[in-house]
């Protein structure tokens, strides 16, 4: 005679999965993106320091162009 078990009995007995670390490529990519984010923050702070902490539409436009397209930033 065969017995058919319900899935719920197996789920309850299964050991919890251990937390897996992300793979090497994912960690490298995350590190690269974090570095770019830090660099953008530093550049914005530097540009705001050069303008005395004031931001105008023109400065904001130039910063956006610089950060999104890699264009030159001129004051």
Protein backbone atom coordinates (compact mmCIF):
# COMPACT_ATOMS: atom_id res chain seq x y z
CA UNK A 1 0.00 0.00 0.00
CA UNK A 2 1.36 3.45 -0.86
CA UNK A 3 0.81 6.65 1.09
CA UNK A 4 0.51 10.12 -0.35
CA UNK A 5 1.93 12.80 1.93
CA UNK A 6 0.79 16.40 1.92
CA UNK A 7 3.26 19.11 0.94
CA UNK A 8 2.67 20.97 4.21
CA UNK A 9 4.32 18.18 6.20
CA UNK A 10 7.52 18.51 4.16
CA UNK A 11 7.65 22.30 4.31
CA UNK A 12 7.49 22.35 8.10
CA UNK A 13 10.36 19.87 8.46
CA UNK A 14 12.71 21.52 5.99
CA UNK A 15 15.67 23.34 7.52
CA UNK A 16 15.79 27.10 6.88
CA UNK A 17 18.11 28.21 4.11
CA UNK A 18 21.34 29.82 5.11
CA UNK A 19 21.83 33.40 3.94
CA UNK A 20 23.98 33.30 0.85
CA UNK A 21 26.45 36.01 0.01
CA UNK A 22 26.10 37.66 -3.37
CA UNK A 23 28.44 36.39 -6.05
CA UNK A 24 31.72 37.99 -7.03
CA UNK A 25 30.34 39.89 -10.03
CA UNK A 26 27.41 41.27 -8.04
CA UNK A 27 29.76 42.46 -5.27
CA UNK A 28 32.10 44.07 -7.83
CA UNK A 29 29.19 45.82 -9.52
CA UNK A 30 27.81 47.06 -6.19
CA UNK A 31 31.25 48.36 -5.23
CA UNK A 32 31.60 50.11 -8.59
CA UNK A 33 28.18 51.77 -8.29
CA UNK A 34 28.87 52.85 -4.71
CA UNK A 35 32.15 54.41 -5.84
CA UNK A 36 30.40 56.32 -8.63
CA UNK A 37 27.75 57.54 -6.21
CA UNK A 38 30.39 58.79 -3.76
CA UNK A 39 32.26 60.54 -6.57
CA UNK A 40 29.07 62.28 -7.75
CA UNK A 41 28.32 63.43 -4.20
CA UNK A 42 31.87 64.79 -3.84
CA UNK A 43 31.67 66.62 -7.16
CA UNK A 44 28.34 68.23 -6.28
CA UNK A 45 29.72 69.35 -2.91
CA UNK A 46 32.79 70.80 -4.61
CA UNK A 47 30.72 72.69 -7.21
CA UNK A 48 28.40 74.08 -4.55
CA UNK A 49 31.45 75.20 -2.57
CA UNK A 50 32.73 77.11 -5.61
CA UNK A 51 29.41 78.94 -5.98
CA UNK A 52 29.21 79.89 -2.32
CA UNK A 53 26.48 77.34 -1.59
CA UNK A 54 24.03 79.00 -3.97
CA UNK A 55 22.46 76.94 -6.72
CA UNK A 56 20.83 78.53 -9.73
CA UNK A 57 18.97 76.94 -12.60
CA UNK A 58 22.06 77.31 -14.79
CA UNK A 59 24.34 75.62 -12.26
CA UNK A 60 21.81 72.85 -11.68
CA UNK A 61 21.51 72.28 -15.45
CA UNK A 62 25.29 72.11 -15.84
CA UNK A 63 25.66 69.69 -12.93
CA UNK A 64 22.94 67.46 -14.36
CA UNK A 65 24.64 67.45 -17.75
CA UNK A 66 27.99 66.68 -16.18
CA UNK A 67 26.69 63.83 -14.06
CA UNK A 68 24.45 62.22 -16.66
CA UNK A 69 26.44 62.68 -19.86
CA UNK A 70 29.95 63.21 -18.64
CA UNK A 71 30.04 66.66 -20.19
CA UNK A 72 32.40 69.34 -18.94
CA UNK A 73 31.36 71.57 -16.06
CA UNK A 74 32.11 75.27 -16.42
CA UNK A 75 31.46 78.09 -14.01
